[in-house]
PDB file of N, CA and C in Angstrom:
ATOM      1  N   MET A   1      13.842 -44.922  63.782  1.00  0.00           N
ATOM      2  CA  MET A   1      13.480 -45.157  65.158  1.00  0.00           C
ATOM      3  C   MET A   1      14.757 -45.495  65.922  1.00  0.00           C
ATOM      4  N   ASP A   2      14.971 -44.791  67.016  1.00  0.00           N
ATOM      5  CA  ASP A   2      16.189 -45.067  67.776  1.00  0.00           C
ATOM      6  C   ASP A   2      15.978 -46.249  68.740  1.00  0.00           C
ATOM      7  N   GLU A   3      17.048 -46.671  69.382  1.00  0.00           N
ATOM      8  CA  GLU A   3      17.019 -47.870  70.234  1.00  0.00           C
ATOM      9  C   GLU A   3      16.051 -47.731  71.410  1.00  0.00           C
ATOM     10  N   ARG A   4      15.990 -46.552  72.014  1.00  0.00           N
ATOM     11  CA  ARG A   4      15.089 -46.332  73.152  1.00  0.00           C
ATOM     12  C   ARG A   4      13.629 -46.467  72.717  1.00  0.00           C
ATOM     13  N   GLN A   5      13.289 -45.888  71.572  1.00  0.00           N
ATOM     14  CA  GLN A   5      11.930 -45.989  71.048  1.00  0.00           C
ATOM     15  C   GLN A   5      11.593 -47.439  70.708  1.00  0.00           C
ATOM     16  N   ALA A   6      12.537 -48.143  70.094  1.00  0.00           N
ATOM     17  CA  ALA A   6      12.322 -49.544  69.717  1.00  0.00           C
ATOM     18  C   ALA A   6      12.094 -50.416  70.961  1.00  0.00           C
ATOM     19  N   ARG A   7      12.856 -50.171  72.033  1.00  0.00           N
ATOM     20  CA  ARG A   7      12.677 -50.939  73.273  1.00  0.00           C
ATOM     21  C   ARG A   7      11.298 -50.700  73.882  1.00  0.00           C
ATOM     22  N   ALA A   8      10.870 -49.440  73.877  1.00  0.00           N
ATOM     23  CA  ALA A   8       9.547 -49.118  74.421  1.00  0.00           C
ATOM     24  C   ALA A   8       8.451 -49.796  73.611  1.00  0.00           C
ATOM     25  N   LEU A   9       8.572 -49.753  72.306  1.00  0.00           N
ATOM     26  CA  LEU A   9       7.576 -50.382  71.437  1.00  0.00           C
ATOM     27  C   LEU A   9       7.591 -51.897  71.596  1.00  0.00           C
ATOM     28  N   ASP A  10       8.764 -52.482  71.654  1.00  0.00           N
ATOM     29  CA  ASP A  10       8.870 -53.928  71.846  1.00  0.00           C
ATOM     30  C   ASP A  10       8.289 -54.358  73.187  1.00  0.00           C
ATOM     31  N   GLY A  11       8.498 -53.559  74.224  1.00  0.00           N
ATOM     32  CA  GLY A  11       7.919 -53.862  75.540  1.00  0.00           C
ATOM     33  C   GLY A  11       6.404 -53.859  75.498  1.00  0.00           C
ATOM     34  N   TRP A  12       5.827 -52.908  74.783  1.00  0.00           N
ATOM     35  CA  TRP A  12       4.374 -52.852  74.638  1.00  0.00           C
ATOM     36  C   TRP A  12       3.859 -54.063  73.854  1.00  0.00           C
ATOM     37  N   LEU A  13       4.535 -54.389  72.749  1.00  0.00           N
ATOM     38  CA  LEU A  13       4.110 -55.515  71.915  1.00  0.00           C
ATOM     39  C   LEU A  13       4.249 -56.845  72.643  1.00  0.00           C
ATOM     40  N   ALA A  14       5.257 -56.964  73.503  1.00  0.00           N
ATOM     41  CA  ALA A  14       5.492 -58.227  74.218  1.00  0.00           C
ATOM     42  C   ALA A  14       4.326 -58.586  75.131  1.00  0.00           C
ATOM     43  N   GLY A  15       3.578 -57.600  75.570  1.00  0.00           N
ATOM     44  CA  GLY A  15       2.443 -57.856  76.451  1.00  0.00           C
ATOM     45  C   GLY A  15       1.155 -58.190  75.726  1.00  0.00           C
ATOM     46  N   LEU A  16       1.195 -58.222  74.408  1.00  0.00           N
ATOM     47  CA  LEU A  16      -0.012 -58.485  73.624  1.00  0.00           C
ATOM     48  C   LEU A  16      -0.039 -59.932  73.131  1.00  0.00           C
ATOM     49  N   PRO A  17      -1.241 -60.521  73.031  1.00  0.00           N
ATOM     50  CA  PRO A  17      -1.333 -61.857  72.427  1.00  0.00           C
ATOM     51  C   PRO A  17      -0.909 -61.812  70.956  1.00  0.00           C
ATOM     52  N   ALA A  18      -0.392 -62.928  70.467  1.00  0.00           N
ATOM     53  CA  ALA A  18       0.120 -62.996  69.084  1.00  0.00           C
ATOM     54  C   ALA A  18      -0.949 -62.617  68.060  1.00  0.00           C
ATOM     55  N   GLU A  19      -2.184 -63.037  68.286  1.00  0.00           N
ATOM     56  CA  GLU A  19      -3.234 -62.721  67.300  1.00  0.00           C
ATOM     57  C   GLU A  19      -3.556 -61.220  67.293  1.00  0.00           C
ATOM     58  N   THR A  20      -3.401 -60.553  68.418  1.00  0.00           N
ATOM     59  CA  THR A  20      -3.604 -59.103  68.462  1.00  0.00           C
ATOM     60  C   THR A  20      -2.487 -58.391  67.703  1.00  0.00           C
ATOM     61  N   VAL A  21      -1.256 -58.849  67.872  1.00  0.00           N
ATOM     62  CA  VAL A  21      -0.126 -58.268  67.138  1.00  0.00           C
ATOM     63  C   VAL A  21      -0.358 -58.443  65.643  1.00  0.00           C
ATOM     64  N   GLN A  22      -0.828 -59.618  65.232  1.00  0.00           N
ATOM     65  CA  GLN A  22      -1.093 -59.860  63.817  1.00  0.00           C
ATOM     66  C   GLN A  22      -2.201 -58.939  63.320  1.00  0.00           C
ATOM     67  N   ARG A  23      -3.251 -58.771  64.104  1.00  0.00           N
ATOM     68  CA  ARG A  23      -4.351 -57.893  63.711  1.00  0.00           C
ATOM     69  C   ARG A  23      -3.850 -56.451  63.568  1.00  0.00           C
ATOM     70  N   TYR A  24      -3.025 -55.992  64.509  1.00  0.00           N
ATOM     71  CA  TYR A  24      -2.458 -54.644  64.415  1.00  0.00           C
ATOM     72  C   TYR A  24      -1.637 -54.499  63.139  1.00  0.00           C
ATOM     73  N   PHE A  25      -0.819 -55.506  62.839  1.00  0.00           N
ATOM     74  CA  PHE A  25      -0.003 -55.434  61.635  1.00  0.00           C
ATOM     75  C   PHE A  25      -0.881 -55.321  60.390  1.00  0.00           C
ATOM     76  N   LEU A  26      -1.921 -56.148  60.299  1.00  0.00           N
ATOM     77  CA  LEU A  26      -2.777 -56.122  59.112  1.00  0.00           C
ATOM     78  C   LEU A  26      -3.455 -54.767  58.958  1.00  0.00           C
ATOM     79  N   LEU A  27      -3.897 -54.183  60.068  1.00  0.00           N
ATOM     80  CA  LEU A  27      -4.509 -52.862  60.011  1.00  0.00           C
ATOM     81  C   LEU A  27      -3.486 -51.795  59.608  1.00  0.00           C
ATOM     82  N   LEU A  28      -2.309 -51.859  60.230  1.00  0.00           N
ATOM     83  CA  LEU A  28      -1.251 -50.897  59.887  1.00  0.00           C
ATOM     84  C   LEU A  28      -0.839 -51.024  58.424  1.00  0.00           C
ATOM     85  N   ASP A  29      -0.730 -52.254  57.945  1.00  0.00           N
ATOM     86  CA  ASP A  29      -0.347 -52.481  56.556  1.00  0.00           C
ATOM     87  C   ASP A  29      -1.388 -51.896  55.614  1.00  0.00           C
ATOM     88  N   GLU A  30      -2.657 -52.093  55.940  1.00  0.00           N
ATOM     89  CA  GLU A  30      -3.711 -51.537  55.091  1.00  0.00           C
ATOM     90  C   GLU A  30      -3.680 -50.009  55.132  1.00  0.00           C
ATOM     91  N   LEU A  31      -3.443 -49.441  56.299  1.00  0.00           N
ATOM     92  CA  LEU A  31      -3.343 -47.982  56.399  1.00  0.00           C
ATOM     93  C   LEU A  31      -2.205 -47.444  55.545  1.00  0.00           C
ATOM     94  N   CYS A  32      -1.083 -48.143  55.559  1.00  0.00           N
ATOM     95  CA  CYS A  32       0.090 -47.691  54.798  1.00  0.00           C
ATOM     96  C   CYS A  32      -0.100 -47.867  53.295  1.00  0.00           C
ATOM     97  N   ARG A  33      -0.871 -48.858  52.886  1.00  0.00           N
ATOM     98  CA  ARG A  33      -1.100 -49.096  51.460  1.00  0.00           C
ATOM     99  C   ARG A  33      -2.213 -48.209  50.910  1.00  0.00           C
ATOM    100  N   GLY A  34      -3.043 -47.638  51.777  1.00  0.00           N
ATOM    101  CA  GLY A  34      -4.143 -46.780  51.336  1.00  0.00           C
ATOM    102  C   GLY A  34      -5.477 -47.401  51.658  1.00  0.00           C
ATOM    103  N   LEU A  35      -6.489 -46.628  51.519  1.00  0.00           N
ATOM    104  CA  LEU A  35      -7.840 -47.024  51.898  1.00  0.00           C
ATOM    105  C   LEU A  35      -8.422 -48.031  50.917  1.00  0.00           C
ATOM    106  N   ASP A  36      -8.907 -49.135  51.436  1.00  0.00           N
ATOM    107  CA  ASP A  36      -9.667 -50.095  50.648  1.00  0.00           C
ATOM    108  C   ASP A  36     -11.119 -49.935  51.098  1.00  0.00           C
ATOM    109  N   VAL A  37     -11.912 -49.221  50.296  1.00  0.00           N
ATOM    110  CA  VAL A  37     -13.273 -48.874  50.713  1.00  0.00           C
ATOM    111  C   VAL A  37     -14.176 -50.089  50.859  1.00  0.00           C
ATOM    112  N   SER A  38     -13.787 -51.221  50.333  1.00  0.00           N
ATOM    113  CA  SER A  38     -14.602 -52.416  50.479  1.00  0.00           C
ATOM    114  C   SER A  38     -14.502 -52.991  51.892  1.00  0.00           C
ATOM    115  N   ARG A  39     -13.537 -52.520  52.689  1.00  0.00           N
ATOM    116  CA  ARG A  39     -13.352 -53.075  54.028  1.00  0.00           C
ATOM    117  C   ARG A  39     -13.695 -52.099  55.147  1.00  0.00           C
ATOM    118  N   HIS A  40     -13.701 -50.802  54.871  1.00  0.00           N
ATOM    119  CA  HIS A  40     -13.941 -49.813  55.917  1.00  0.00           C
ATOM    120  C   HIS A  40     -14.843 -48.707  55.388  1.00  0.00           C
ATOM    121  N   GLU A  41     -15.695 -48.207  56.252  1.00  0.00           N
ATOM    122  CA  GLU A  41     -16.386 -46.984  55.879  1.00  0.00           C
ATOM    123  C   GLU A  41     -15.453 -45.831  56.230  1.00  0.00           C
ATOM    124  N   GLN A  42     -15.631 -44.683  55.589  1.00  0.00           N
ATOM    125  CA  GLN A  42     -14.627 -43.618  55.670  1.00  0.00           C
ATOM    126  C   GLN A  42     -14.397 -43.122  57.091  1.00  0.00           C
ATOM    127  N   PHE A  43     -15.439 -42.906  57.884  1.00  0.00           N
ATOM    128  CA  PHE A  43     -15.237 -42.397  59.235  1.00  0.00           C
ATOM    129  C   PHE A  43     -14.424 -43.378  60.069  1.00  0.00           C
ATOM    130  N   GLY A  44     -14.742 -44.662  59.978  1.00  0.00           N
ATOM    131  CA  GLY A  44     -13.998 -45.677  60.719  1.00  0.00           C
ATOM    132  C   GLY A  44     -12.537 -45.713  60.308  1.00  0.00           C
ATOM    133  N   PHE A  45     -12.289 -45.545  59.010  1.00  0.00           N
ATOM    134  CA  PHE A  45     -10.911 -45.553  58.519  1.00  0.00           C
ATOM    135  C   PHE A  45     -10.141 -44.365  59.084  1.00  0.00           C
ATOM    136  N   LEU A  46     -10.736 -43.190  59.048  1.00  0.00           N
ATOM    137  CA  LEU A  46     -10.047 -41.996  59.539  1.00  0.00           C
ATOM    138  C   LEU A  46      -9.785 -42.083  61.036  1.00  0.00           C
ATOM    139  N   ARG A  47     -10.737 -42.640  61.782  1.00  0.00           N
ATOM    140  CA  ARG A  47     -10.536 -42.809  63.224  1.00  0.00           C
ATOM    141  C   ARG A  47      -9.411 -43.812  63.499  1.00  0.00           C
ATOM    142  N   LEU A  48      -9.417 -44.913  62.753  1.00  0.00           N
ATOM    143  CA  LEU A  48      -8.374 -45.927  62.901  1.00  0.00           C
ATOM    144  C   LEU A  48      -6.998 -45.330  62.607  1.00  0.00           C
ATOM    145  N   ARG A  49      -6.902 -44.564  61.538  1.00  0.00           N
ATOM    146  CA  ARG A  49      -5.629 -43.934  61.193  1.00  0.00           C
ATOM    147  C   ARG A  49      -5.171 -42.982  62.308  1.00  0.00           C
ATOM    148  N   ALA A  50      -6.099 -42.215  62.853  1.00  0.00           N
ATOM    149  CA  ALA A  50      -5.756 -41.280  63.932  1.00  0.00           C
ATOM    150  C   ALA A  50      -5.254 -42.029  65.166  1.00  0.00           C
ATOM    151  N   GLU A  51      -5.867 -43.172  65.486  1.00  0.00           N
ATOM    152  CA  GLU A  51      -5.432 -43.966  66.639  1.00  0.00           C
ATOM    153  C   GLU A  51      -3.992 -44.445  66.450  1.00  0.00           C
ATOM    154  N   PHE A  52      -3.675 -44.954  65.275  1.00  0.00           N
ATOM    155  CA  PHE A  52      -2.322 -45.444  65.030  1.00  0.00           C
ATOM    156  C   PHE A  52      -1.316 -44.295  64.938  1.00  0.00           C
ATOM    157  N   GLU A  53      -1.733 -43.151  64.398  1.00  0.00           N
ATOM    158  CA  GLU A  53      -0.825 -42.003  64.365  1.00  0.00           C
ATOM    159  C   GLU A  53      -0.499 -41.550  65.783  1.00  0.00           C
ATOM    160  N   THR A  54      -1.501 -41.596  66.675  1.00  0.00           N
ATOM    161  CA  THR A  54      -1.264 -41.251  68.079  1.00  0.00           C
ATOM    162  C   THR A  54      -0.290 -42.235  68.711  1.00  0.00           C
ATOM    163  N   SER A  55      -0.456 -43.529  68.419  1.00  0.00           N
ATOM    164  CA  SER A  55       0.482 -44.531  68.939  1.00  0.00           C
ATOM    165  C   SER A  55       1.888 -44.246  68.436  1.00  0.00           C
ATOM    166  N   GLY A  56       2.002 -43.882  67.164  1.00  0.00           N
ATOM    167  CA  GLY A  56       3.302 -43.548  66.605  1.00  0.00           C
ATOM    168  C   GLY A  56       3.919 -42.340  67.288  1.00  0.00           C
ATOM    169  N   GLU A  57       3.087 -41.358  67.594  1.00  0.00           N
ATOM    170  CA  GLU A  57       3.590 -40.169  68.285  1.00  0.00           C
ATOM    171  C   GLU A  57       4.081 -40.523  69.686  1.00  0.00           C
ATOM    172  N   ILE A  58       3.364 -41.411  70.359  1.00  0.00           N
ATOM    173  CA  ILE A  58       3.767 -41.832  71.705  1.00  0.00           C
ATOM    174  C   ILE A  58       5.142 -42.495  71.653  1.00  0.00           C
ATOM    175  N   PHE A  59       5.365 -43.347  70.653  1.00  0.00           N
ATOM    176  CA  PHE A  59       6.641 -44.054  70.534  1.00  0.00           C
ATOM    177  C   PHE A  59       7.666 -43.276  69.722  1.00  0.00           C
ATOM    178  N   GLY A  60       7.269 -42.132  69.168  1.00  0.00           N
ATOM    179  CA  GLY A  60       8.213 -41.305  68.417  1.00  0.00           C
ATOM    180  C   GLY A  60       8.545 -41.865  67.053  1.00  0.00           C
ATOM    181  N   CYS A  61       7.545 -42.420  66.353  1.00  0.00           N
ATOM    182  CA  CYS A  61       7.804 -42.996  65.035  1.00  0.00           C
ATOM    183  C   CYS A  61       6.616 -42.737  64.111  1.00  0.00           C
ATOM    184  N   THR A  62       6.813 -42.993  62.837  1.00  0.00           N
ATOM    185  CA  THR A  62       5.736 -42.856  61.856  1.00  0.00           C
ATOM    186  C   THR A  62       4.882 -44.117  61.861  1.00  0.00           C
ATOM    187  N   VAL A  63       3.748 -44.054  61.183  1.00  0.00           N
ATOM    188  CA  VAL A  63       2.882 -45.228  61.061  1.00  0.00           C
ATOM    189  C   VAL A  63       3.627 -46.345  60.327  1.00  0.00           C
ATOM    190  N   GLU A  64       4.421 -45.986  59.323  1.00  0.00           N
ATOM    191  CA  GLU A  64       5.175 -46.985  58.566  1.00  0.00           C
ATOM    192  C   GLU A  64       6.221 -47.660  59.447  1.00  0.00           C
ATOM    193  N   GLU A  65       6.914 -46.883  60.284  1.00  0.00           N
ATOM    194  CA  GLU A  65       7.905 -47.471  61.200  1.00  0.00           C
ATOM    195  C   GLU A  65       7.229 -48.362  62.234  1.00  0.00           C
ATOM    196  N   LEU A  66       6.051 -47.950  62.681  1.00  0.00           N
ATOM    197  CA  LEU A  66       5.279 -48.769  63.624  1.00  0.00           C
ATOM    198  C   LEU A  66       4.913 -50.103  62.981  1.00  0.00           C
ATOM    199  N   ARG A  67       4.429 -50.054  61.738  1.00  0.00           N
ATOM    200  CA  ARG A  67       4.091 -51.287  61.005  1.00  0.00           C
ATOM    201  C   ARG A  67       5.309 -52.193  60.857  1.00  0.00           C
ATOM    202  N   ASP A  68       6.433 -51.623  60.477  1.00  0.00           N
ATOM    203  CA  ASP A  68       7.644 -52.416  60.259  1.00  0.00           C
ATOM    204  C   ASP A  68       8.129 -53.070  61.553  1.00  0.00           C
ATOM    205  N   ARG A  69       8.002 -52.366  62.673  1.00  0.00           N
ATOM    206  CA  ARG A  69       8.445 -52.932  63.958  1.00  0.00           C
ATOM    207  C   ARG A  69       7.511 -54.051  64.401  1.00  0.00           C
ATOM    208  N   VAL A  70       6.207 -53.871  64.191  1.00  0.00           N
ATOM    209  CA  VAL A  70       5.248 -54.923  64.519  1.00  0.00           C
ATOM    210  C   VAL A  70       5.505 -56.147  63.643  1.00  0.00           C
ATOM    211  N   ALA A  71       5.858 -55.925  62.380  1.00  0.00           N
ATOM    212  CA  ALA A  71       6.103 -57.017  61.433  1.00  0.00           C
ATOM    213  C   ALA A  71       7.245 -57.922  61.878  1.00  0.00           C
ATOM    214  N   LEU A  72       8.213 -57.376  62.597  1.00  0.00           N
ATOM    215  CA  LEU A  72       9.351 -58.184  63.049  1.00  0.00           C
ATOM    216  C   LEU A  72       8.925 -59.326  63.971  1.00  0.00           C
ATOM    217  N   ARG A  73       7.748 -59.220  64.585  1.00  0.00           N
ATOM    218  CA  ARG A  73       7.266 -60.246  65.515  1.00  0.00           C
ATOM    219  C   ARG A  73       6.417 -61.311  64.817  1.00  0.00           C
ATOM    220  N   LEU A  74       6.239 -61.199  63.516  1.00  0.00           N
ATOM    221  CA  LEU A  74       5.332 -62.097  62.798  1.00  0.00           C
ATOM    222  C   LEU A  74       6.068 -62.984  61.808  1.00  0.00           C
ATOM    223  N   PRO A  75       5.464 -64.146  61.493  1.00  0.00           N
ATOM    224  CA  PRO A  75       6.049 -65.012  60.454  1.00  0.00           C
ATOM    225  C   PRO A  75       6.020 -64.311  59.091  1.00  0.00           C
ATOM    226  N   GLU A  76       6.913 -64.711  58.218  1.00  0.00           N
ATOM    227  CA  GLU A  76       7.024 -64.073  56.907  1.00  0.00           C
ATOM    228  C   GLU A  76       5.732 -64.153  56.103  1.00  0.00           C
ATOM    229  N   GLY A  77       4.998 -65.259  56.218  1.00  0.00           N
ATOM    230  CA  GLY A  77       3.749 -65.407  55.476  1.00  0.00           C
ATOM    231  C   GLY A  77       2.741 -64.322  55.815  1.00  0.00           C
ATOM    232  N   VAL A  78       2.698 -63.928  57.062  1.00  0.00           N
ATOM    233  CA  VAL A  78       1.774 -62.868  57.486  1.00  0.00           C
ATOM    234  C   VAL A  78       2.265 -61.525  56.947  1.00  0.00           C
ATOM    235  N   ARG A  79       3.561 -61.284  57.040  1.00  0.00           N
ATOM    236  CA  ARG A  79       4.121 -60.009  56.565  1.00  0.00           C
ATOM    237  C   ARG A  79       3.903 -59.819  55.075  1.00  0.00           C
ATOM    238  N   LYS A  80       3.953 -60.899  54.321  1.00  0.00           N
ATOM    239  CA  LYS A  80       3.784 -60.809  52.871  1.00  0.00           C
ATOM    240  C   LYS A  80       2.315 -60.836  52.456  1.00  0.00           C
ATOM    241  N   GLY A  81       1.404 -61.012  53.427  1.00  0.00           N
ATOM    242  CA  GLY A  81      -0.019 -60.995  53.116  1.00  0.00           C
ATOM    243  C   GLY A  81      -0.575 -62.334  52.668  1.00  0.00           C
ATOM    244  N   GLN A  82       0.210 -63.393  52.800  1.00  0.00           N
ATOM    245  CA  GLN A  82      -0.259 -64.699  52.343  1.00  0.00           C
ATOM    246  C   GLN A  82      -1.290 -65.302  53.292  1.00  0.00           C
ATOM    247  N   ASP A  83      -1.255 -64.915  54.564  1.00  0.00           N
ATOM    248  CA  ASP A  83      -2.159 -65.514  55.541  1.00  0.00           C
ATOM    249  C   ASP A  83      -3.431 -64.715  55.764  1.00  0.00           C
ATOM    250  N   ARG A  84      -3.644 -63.661  55.002  1.00  0.00           N
ATOM    251  CA  ARG A  84      -4.873 -62.901  55.190  1.00  0.00           C
ATOM    252  C   ARG A  84      -5.784 -63.124  53.988  1.00  0.00           C
ATOM    253  N   PRO A  85      -7.078 -63.090  54.222  1.00  0.00           N
ATOM    254  CA  PRO A  85      -7.995 -63.287  53.091  1.00  0.00           C
ATOM    255  C   PRO A  85      -7.926 -62.101  52.130  1.00  0.00           C
ATOM    256  N   ARG A  86      -8.131 -62.371  50.860  1.00  0.00           N
ATOM    257  CA  ARG A  86      -8.132 -61.314  49.850  1.00  0.00           C
ATOM    258  C   ARG A  86      -9.381 -60.458  50.050  1.00  0.00           C
ATOM    259  N   THR A  87      -9.246 -59.172  49.889  1.00  0.00           N
ATOM    260  CA  THR A  87     -10.405 -58.292  49.974  1.00  0.00           C
ATOM    261  C   THR A  87     -11.173 -58.382  48.658  1.00  0.00           C
ATOM    262  N   PRO A  88     -12.455 -58.002  48.658  1.00  0.00           N
ATOM    263  CA  PRO A  88     -13.197 -57.997  47.392  1.00  0.00           C
ATOM    264  C   PRO A  88     -12.544 -57.110  46.335  1.00  0.00           C
ATOM    265  N   LEU A  89     -11.970 -55.991  46.749  1.00  0.00           N
ATOM    266  CA  LEU A  89     -11.305 -55.106  45.792  1.00  0.00           C
ATOM    267  C   LEU A  89     -10.063 -55.763  45.199  1.00  0.00           C
ATOM    268  N   GLU A  90      -9.263 -56.450  46.027  1.00  0.00           N
ATOM    269  CA  GLU A  90      -8.079 -57.153  45.521  1.00  0.00           C
ATOM    270  C   GLU A  90      -8.484 -58.270  44.571  1.00  0.00           C
ATOM    271  N   THR A  91      -9.552 -58.988  44.891  1.00  0.00           N
ATOM    272  CA  THR A  91     -10.050 -60.059  44.032  1.00  0.00           C
ATOM    273  C   THR A  91     -10.476 -59.508  42.679  1.00  0.00           C
ATOM    274  N   LEU A  92     -11.203 -58.407  42.692  1.00  0.00           N
ATOM    275  CA  LEU A  92     -11.644 -57.779  41.448  1.00  0.00           C
ATOM    276  C   LEU A  92     -10.449 -57.306  40.616  1.00  0.00           C
ATOM    277  N   ARG A  93      -9.473 -56.693  41.260  1.00  0.00           N
ATOM    278  CA  ARG A  93      -8.280 -56.236  40.537  1.00  0.00           C
ATOM    279  C   ARG A  93      -7.555 -57.397  39.875  1.00  0.00           C
ATOM    280  N   GLU A  94      -7.456 -58.525  40.581  1.00  0.00           N
ATOM    281  CA  GLU A  94      -6.798 -59.703  40.001  1.00  0.00           C
ATOM    282  C   GLU A  94      -7.562 -60.225  38.788  1.00  0.00           C
ATOM    283  N   GLN A  95      -8.894 -60.268  38.897  1.00  0.00           N
ATOM    284  CA  GLN A  95      -9.715 -60.747  37.784  1.00  0.00           C
ATOM    285  C   GLN A  95      -9.559 -59.851  36.561  1.00  0.00           C
ATOM    286  N   VAL A  96      -9.588 -58.547  36.768  1.00  0.00           N
ATOM    287  CA  VAL A  96      -9.436 -57.606  35.659  1.00  0.00           C
ATOM    288  C   VAL A  96      -8.045 -57.728  35.055  1.00  0.00           C
ATOM    289  N   HIS A  97      -7.044 -57.903  35.887  1.00  0.00           N
ATOM    290  CA  HIS A  97      -5.671 -58.054  35.392  1.00  0.00           C
ATOM    291  C   HIS A  97      -5.536 -59.328  34.555  1.00  0.00           C
ATOM    292  N   ARG A  98      -6.148 -60.424  35.036  1.00  0.00           N
ATOM    293  CA  ARG A  98      -6.043 -61.711  34.331  1.00  0.00           C
ATOM    294  C   ARG A  98      -6.871 -61.747  33.053  1.00  0.00           C
ATOM    295  N   ARG A  99      -8.135 -61.313  33.130  1.00  0.00           N
ATOM    296  CA  ARG A  99      -9.047 -61.482  32.003  1.00  0.00           C
ATOM    297  C   ARG A  99      -9.368 -60.199  31.253  1.00  0.00           C
ATOM    298  N   GLY A 100      -8.907 -59.065  31.760  1.00  0.00           N
ATOM    299  CA  GLY A 100      -9.246 -57.791  31.146  1.00  0.00           C
ATOM    300  C   GLY A 100     -10.556 -57.249  31.699  1.00  0.00           C
ATOM    301  N   HIS A 101     -10.788 -56.001  31.453  1.00  0.00           N
ATOM    302  CA  HIS A 101     -11.991 -55.352  31.949  1.00  0.00           C
ATOM    303  C   HIS A 101     -13.196 -55.851  31.157  1.00  0.00           C
ATOM    304  N   PRO A 102     -14.321 -56.158  31.824  1.00  0.00           N
ATOM    305  CA  PRO A 102     -15.482 -56.697  31.107  1.00  0.00           C
ATOM    306  C   PRO A 102     -16.019 -55.770  30.011  1.00  0.00           C
ATOM    307  N   ASP A 103     -15.872 -54.469  30.181  1.00  0.00           N
ATOM    308  CA  ASP A 103     -16.374 -53.534  29.161  1.00  0.00           C
ATOM    309  C   ASP A 103     -15.522 -53.505  27.897  1.00  0.00           C
ATOM    310  N   PHE A 104     -14.305 -54.075  27.960  1.00  0.00           N
ATOM    311  CA  PHE A 104     -13.406 -53.997  26.817  1.00  0.00           C
ATOM    312  C   PHE A 104     -13.040 -55.369  26.263  1.00  0.00           C
ATOM    313  N   ARG A 105     -13.817 -56.393  26.595  1.00  0.00           N
ATOM    314  CA  ARG A 105     -13.529 -57.733  26.040  1.00  0.00           C
ATOM    315  C   ARG A 105     -14.147 -57.886  24.689  1.00  0.00           C
TER     316      ARG A 105
END
C-alpha cells in the first residue's frame, strides 16, 4: 500500500468510533484466517467478504492489507485476539488438542 492509499484509509478510519474499528478488525481477521462456520452462515460470510473486498478496491489494497492497516489503530491485545471471545470451533479445537479426540481415547 502506498502513502496516498494509506492516508486515505487512515482518514476514513479516523472518523469511526474505536469500537467500530475494533469490530472491523475482528471481521477482517476472521475473513483472512478463513471461514468459521460456527459464527457465520455461508451467504452472510460471502456477502461480508465481498463488502470488504470492495473497500479494499476503493483504497487500492488487498483484504489482508486493509486488516493490517486497521490493526495499527488497536491495542496489541486486540490484534493478537486476546480481547475477543473464543468461538465454539476454537474451543473445540483446543479441547481436542489438549485431551485428544473423544473417538480415539
